[in-house]
Amino acid sequence: MGKEFYPFCPDYIEETGRLGASKRVPVDLDLSGLEPFKSRMFFIHPRAIADVKERVDFCPKNNTSHINGDEFCIRSLYYFVDAEPEDGKYVRKIGSISYEVPWLIRSKKPGYSAGMFLSLPFTHLEYVLPDDGMVDERVKRARDEGRPIEFVKE
């Protein structure tokens, strides 16, 4: 995941909420330690932490200090995305989705730092079959050993 595809963390959060998370992994990744629903994926973005403290309309952690703007809350990242007015609301469009932004703050530009903004459970792997249908031996072996790998066509 990169900022060239998802310029703002809320873009990825919103898309994942609608379409689910999918990450391509290298063929040489050691699959032996992956356990469905126990192993996790951690998502990092260069704009995950902002040097602003803003009151938020709600906090995903229901943290009062975040809601009051006493501490940084990831929800405040929504207030600094590039969104456009539409039918009396602010709407951000990215790829095939759009999402509503509660309000925009244009009077200041936050400084950003990289950080983890999302953690999700690993559920399974999908191996995209090549045109010739030949499956990498390592992937076959991992699947035979019980790793949750589904074969799919692109």
C-alpha atoms as a PDB file:
ATOM      1  CA  MET A   1       0.000   0.000   0.000  1.00  0.00           C
ATOM      2  CA  GLY A   2       1.406   3.340  -0.886  1.00  0.00           C
ATOM      3  CA  LYS A   3       0.463   6.960  -0.839  1.00  0.00           C
ATOM      4  CA  GLU A   4       0.465   6.985  -4.653  1.00  0.00           C
ATOM      5  CA  PHE A   5      -2.656   4.770  -4.550  1.00  0.00           C
ATOM      6  CA  TYR A   6      -4.031   5.960  -1.201  1.00  0.00           C
ATOM      7  CA  PRO A   7      -2.894   9.563  -0.574  1.00  0.00           C
ATOM      8  CA  PHE A   8      -4.682   9.624   2.800  1.00  0.00           C
ATOM      9  CA  CYS A   9      -5.131   6.868   5.427  1.00  0.00           C
ATOM     10  CA  PRO A  10      -8.929   7.300   5.441  1.00  0.00           C
ATOM     11  CA  ASP A  11      -8.907   6.310   1.753  1.00  0.00           C
ATOM     12  CA  TYR A  12      -7.569   2.859   2.604  1.00  0.00           C
ATOM     13  CA  ILE A  13      -9.700   2.540   5.755  1.00  0.00           C
ATOM     14  CA  GLU A  14     -12.888   3.303   3.826  1.00  0.00           C
ATOM     15  CA  GLU A  15     -12.045   1.074   0.860  1.00  0.00           C
ATOM     16  CA  THR A  16     -11.124  -1.810   3.156  1.00  0.00           C
ATOM     17  CA  GLY A  17     -14.363  -1.379   5.084  1.00  0.00           C
ATOM     18  CA  ARG A  18     -16.320  -1.851   1.864  1.00  0.00           C
ATOM     19  CA  LEU A  19     -14.175  -4.254  -0.165  1.00  0.00           C
ATOM     20  CA  GLY A  20     -11.950  -6.019   2.368  1.00  0.00           C
ATOM     21  CA  ALA A  21      -8.167  -6.090   2.574  1.00  0.00           C
ATOM     22  CA  SER A  22      -6.036  -7.825   0.016  1.00  0.00           C
ATOM     23  CA  LYS A  23      -2.263  -7.750  -0.130  1.00  0.00           C
ATOM     24  CA  ARG A  24       0.022  -9.398  -2.657  1.00  0.00           C
ATOM     25  CA  VAL A  25       2.825 -11.299  -1.006  1.00  0.00           C
ATOM     26  CA  PRO A  26       6.099 -12.406  -2.546  1.00  0.00           C
ATOM     27  CA  VAL A  27       6.332 -16.061  -3.573  1.00  0.00           C
ATOM     28  CA  ASP A  28       9.324 -16.564  -1.277  1.00  0.00           C
ATOM     29  CA  LEU A  29       7.462 -15.436   1.856  1.00  0.00           C
ATOM     30  CA  ASP A  30       7.778 -17.972   4.684  1.00  0.00           C
ATOM     31  CA  LEU A  31       4.186 -19.127   5.213  1.00  0.00           C
ATOM     32  CA  SER A  32       4.939 -21.534   8.052  1.00  0.00           C
ATOM     33  CA  GLY A  33       4.054 -19.112  10.837  1.00  0.00           C
ATOM     34  CA  LEU A  34       0.780 -17.777   9.437  1.00  0.00           C
ATOM     35  CA  GLU A  35      -2.275 -18.827  11.388  1.00  0.00           C
ATOM     36  CA  PRO A  36      -5.714 -17.689  10.216  1.00  0.00           C
ATOM     37  CA  PHE A  37      -7.336 -15.200  12.598  1.00  0.00           C
ATOM     38  CA  LYS A  38      -4.267 -15.278  14.892  1.00  0.00           C
ATOM     39  CA  SER A  39      -1.665 -13.721  12.598  1.00  0.00           C
ATOM     40  CA  ARG A  40      -2.149 -10.054  11.786  1.00  0.00           C
ATOM     41  CA  MET A  41      -1.400  -7.627   8.991  1.00  0.00           C
ATOM     42  CA  PHE A  42      -0.112  -4.202  10.005  1.00  0.00           C
ATOM     43  CA  PHE A  43      -0.629  -1.240   7.684  1.00  0.00           C
ATOM     44  CA  ILE A  44       1.793   1.671   7.682  1.00  0.00           C
ATOM     45  CA  HIS A  45       1.403   4.964   5.839  1.00  0.00           C
ATOM     46  CA  PRO A  46       3.574   8.104   5.654  1.00  0.00           C
ATOM     47  CA  ARG A  47       0.549  10.226   6.711  1.00  0.00           C
ATOM     48  CA  ALA A  48      -0.696   8.088   9.610  1.00  0.00           C
ATOM     49  CA  ILE A  49       0.094  10.538  12.401  1.00  0.00           C
ATOM     50  CA  ALA A  50      -0.621  14.257  12.264  1.00  0.00           C
ATOM     51  CA  ASP A  51       0.691  16.977  14.539  1.00  0.00           C
ATOM     52  CA  VAL A  52      -2.829  18.251  15.219  1.00  0.00           C
ATOM     53  CA  LYS A  53      -5.252  17.756  18.038  1.00  0.00           C
ATOM     54  CA  GLU A  54      -8.814  18.235  16.899  1.00  0.00           C
ATOM     55  CA  ARG A  55     -12.177  17.471  18.419  1.00  0.00           C
ATOM     56  CA  VAL A  56     -13.653  14.540  16.526  1.00  0.00           C
ATOM     57  CA  ASP A  57     -17.238  13.524  15.854  1.00  0.00           C
ATOM     58  CA  PHE A  58     -16.410  10.049  17.176  1.00  0.00           C
ATOM     59  CA  CYS A  59     -13.346   8.022  18.069  1.00  0.00           C
ATOM     60  CA  PRO A  60     -12.909   4.400  16.912  1.00  0.00           C
ATOM     61  CA  LYS A  61     -11.494   3.631  20.379  1.00  0.00           C
ATOM     62  CA  ASN A  62     -14.198   5.675  22.144  1.00  0.00           C
ATOM     63  CA  ASN A  63     -11.396   7.555  23.906  1.00  0.00           C
ATOM     64  CA  THR A  64     -12.697  10.719  25.606  1.00  0.00           C
ATOM     65  CA  SER A  65      -9.306  12.465  25.275  1.00  0.00           C
ATOM     66  CA  HIS A  66      -9.494  11.892  21.525  1.00  0.00           C
ATOM     67  CA  ILE A  67     -13.102  13.046  21.218  1.00  0.00           C
ATOM     68  CA  ASN A  68     -12.315  16.247  23.138  1.00  0.00           C
ATOM     69  CA  GLY A  69      -9.218  16.948  21.043  1.00  0.00           C
ATOM     70  CA  ASP A  70      -6.818  16.599  23.976  1.00  0.00           C
ATOM     71  CA  GLU A  71      -4.856  13.891  22.130  1.00  0.00           C
ATOM     72  CA  PHE A  72      -4.417  12.974  18.474  1.00  0.00           C
ATOM     73  CA  CYS A  73      -7.122  10.682  17.087  1.00  0.00           C
ATOM     74  CA  ILE A  74      -6.869   8.946  13.727  1.00  0.00           C
ATOM     75  CA  ARG A  75     -10.412  10.137  13.024  1.00  0.00           C
ATOM     76  CA  SER A  76      -9.098  13.691  12.689  1.00  0.00           C
ATOM     77  CA  LEU A  77      -7.209  12.591   9.547  1.00  0.00           C
ATOM     78  CA  TYR A  78     -10.586  12.662   7.787  1.00  0.00           C
ATOM     79  CA  TYR A  79     -10.754  16.448   8.258  1.00  0.00           C
ATOM     80  CA  PHE A  80      -7.676  17.084   6.101  1.00  0.00           C
ATOM     81  CA  VAL A  81      -8.363  14.952   3.017  1.00  0.00           C
ATOM     82  CA  ASP A  82      -9.085  16.444  -0.397  1.00  0.00           C
ATOM     83  CA  ALA A  83     -12.889  16.345  -0.536  1.00  0.00           C
ATOM     84  CA  GLU A  84     -15.459  18.262  -2.517  1.00  0.00           C
ATOM     85  CA  PRO A  85     -18.839  19.699  -1.522  1.00  0.00           C
ATOM     86  CA  GLU A  86     -21.703  17.569  -2.776  1.00  0.00           C
ATOM     87  CA  ASP A  87     -25.371  17.951  -1.790  1.00  0.00           C
ATOM     88  CA  GLY A  88     -24.514  19.849   1.401  1.00  0.00           C
ATOM     89  CA  LYS A  89     -21.816  17.342   2.463  1.00  0.00           C
ATOM     90  CA  TYR A  90     -18.125  16.857   1.825  1.00  0.00           C
ATOM     91  CA  VAL A  91     -17.348  13.764  -0.233  1.00  0.00           C
ATOM     92  CA  ARG A  92     -13.994  12.177  -0.992  1.00  0.00           C
ATOM     93  CA  LYS A  93     -13.788  10.036  -4.127  1.00  0.00           C
ATOM     94  CA  ILE A  94     -10.976   7.542  -4.540  1.00  0.00           C
ATOM     95  CA  GLY A  95     -10.965   4.710  -7.061  1.00  0.00           C
ATOM     96  CA  SER A  96     -14.368   3.055  -7.178  1.00  0.00           C
ATOM     97  CA  ILE A  97     -15.547   4.335  -3.804  1.00  0.00           C
ATOM     98  CA  SER A  98     -16.577   7.589  -2.245  1.00  0.00           C
ATOM     99  CA  TYR A  99     -17.046   8.441   1.397  1.00  0.00           C
ATOM    100  CA  GLU A 100     -18.477  11.285   3.388  1.00  0.00           C
ATOM    101  CA  VAL A 101     -16.180  13.509   5.405  1.00  0.00           C
ATOM    102  CA  PRO A 102     -17.800  15.056   8.519  1.00  0.00           C
ATOM    103  CA  TRP A 103     -16.120  18.435   7.965  1.00  0.00           C
ATOM    104  CA  LEU A 104     -12.948  19.849   6.479  1.00  0.00           C
ATOM    105  CA  ILE A 105     -10.287  21.983   8.103  1.00  0.00           C
ATOM    106  CA  ARG A 106      -8.594  24.081   5.475  1.00  0.00           C
ATOM    107  CA  SER A 107      -7.213  26.761   7.805  1.00  0.00           C
ATOM    108  CA  LYS A 108      -4.153  24.682   8.663  1.00  0.00           C
ATOM    109  CA  LYS A 109      -2.037  21.985   7.075  1.00  0.00           C
ATOM    110  CA  PRO A 110      -0.896  19.292   9.480  1.00  0.00           C
ATOM    111  CA  GLY A 111       2.601  17.906   9.522  1.00  0.00           C
ATOM    112  CA  TYR A 112       2.527  14.151   9.071  1.00  0.00           C
ATOM    113  CA  SER A 113       4.641  11.280  10.332  1.00  0.00           C
ATOM    114  CA  ALA A 114       4.716   7.679   9.253  1.00  0.00           C
ATOM    115  CA  GLY A 115       3.032   5.171  11.496  1.00  0.00           C
ATOM    116  CA  MET A 116       0.776   2.179  11.776  1.00  0.00           C
ATOM    117  CA  PHE A 117      -2.839   3.108  11.224  1.00  0.00           C
ATOM    118  CA  LEU A 118      -4.594  -0.251  10.891  1.00  0.00           C
ATOM    119  CA  SER A 119      -4.191  -3.817  12.067  1.00  0.00           C
ATOM    120  CA  LEU A 120      -6.318  -6.618  10.624  1.00  0.00           C
ATOM    121  CA  PRO A 121      -6.389 -10.376  11.118  1.00  0.00           C
ATOM    122  CA  PHE A 122      -4.923 -12.548   8.410  1.00  0.00           C
ATOM    123  CA  THR A 123      -7.665 -14.899   7.180  1.00  0.00           C
ATOM    124  CA  HIS A 124      -6.323 -16.705   4.114  1.00  0.00           C
ATOM    125  CA  LEU A 125      -4.090 -16.444   1.071  1.00  0.00           C
ATOM    126  CA  GLU A 126      -5.144 -16.451  -2.539  1.00  0.00           C
ATOM    127  CA  TYR A 127      -2.666 -17.685  -5.116  1.00  0.00           C
ATOM    128  CA  VAL A 128      -3.339 -16.188  -8.521  1.00  0.00           C
ATOM    129  CA  LEU A 129      -2.907 -18.991 -11.024  1.00  0.00           C
ATOM    130  CA  PRO A 130      -0.635 -18.212 -13.958  1.00  0.00           C
ATOM    131  CA  ASP A 131      -2.027 -18.563 -17.476  1.00  0.00           C
ATOM    132  CA  ASP A 132      -0.411 -21.998 -17.840  1.00  0.00           C
ATOM    133  CA  GLY A 133      -2.077 -23.217 -14.617  1.00  0.00           C
ATOM    134  CA  MET A 134       1.250 -24.342 -13.127  1.00  0.00           C
ATOM    135  CA  VAL A 135       1.454 -23.810  -9.379  1.00  0.00           C
ATOM    136  CA  ASP A 136       4.761 -23.004  -7.718  1.00  0.00           C
ATOM    137  CA  GLU A 137       5.987 -26.097  -5.832  1.00  0.00           C
ATOM    138  CA  ARG A 138       6.523 -24.126  -2.632  1.00  0.00           C
ATOM    139  CA  VAL A 139       2.915 -22.947  -2.713  1.00  0.00           C
ATOM    140  CA  LYS A 140       1.652 -26.495  -3.363  1.00  0.00           C
ATOM    141  CA  ARG A 141       3.707 -27.779  -0.435  1.00  0.00           C
ATOM    142  CA  ALA A 142       2.416 -25.049   1.892  1.00  0.00           C
ATOM    143  CA  ARG A 143      -1.164 -25.815   0.904  1.00  0.00           C
ATOM    144  CA  ASP A 144      -0.586 -29.566   1.404  1.00  0.00           C
ATOM    145  CA  GLU A 145       0.759 -28.731   4.893  1.00  0.00           C
ATOM    146  CA  GLY A 146      -2.568 -27.107   5.727  1.00  0.00           C
ATOM    147  CA  ARG A 147      -1.902 -23.448   4.990  1.00  0.00           C
ATOM    148  CA  PRO A 148      -5.118 -21.646   3.967  1.00  0.00           C
ATOM    149  CA  ILE A 149      -4.312 -20.982   0.320  1.00  0.00           C
ATOM    150  CA  GLU A 150      -7.036 -20.667  -2.287  1.00  0.00           C
ATOM    151  CA  PHE A 151      -6.214 -20.881  -5.993  1.00  0.00           C
ATOM    152  CA  VAL A 152      -7.920 -18.154  -7.990  1.00  0.00           C
ATOM    153  CA  LYS A 153      -7.874 -16.810 -11.524  1.00  0.00           C
ATOM    154  CA  GLU A 154      -6.947 -13.143 -11.912  1.00  0.00           C
END
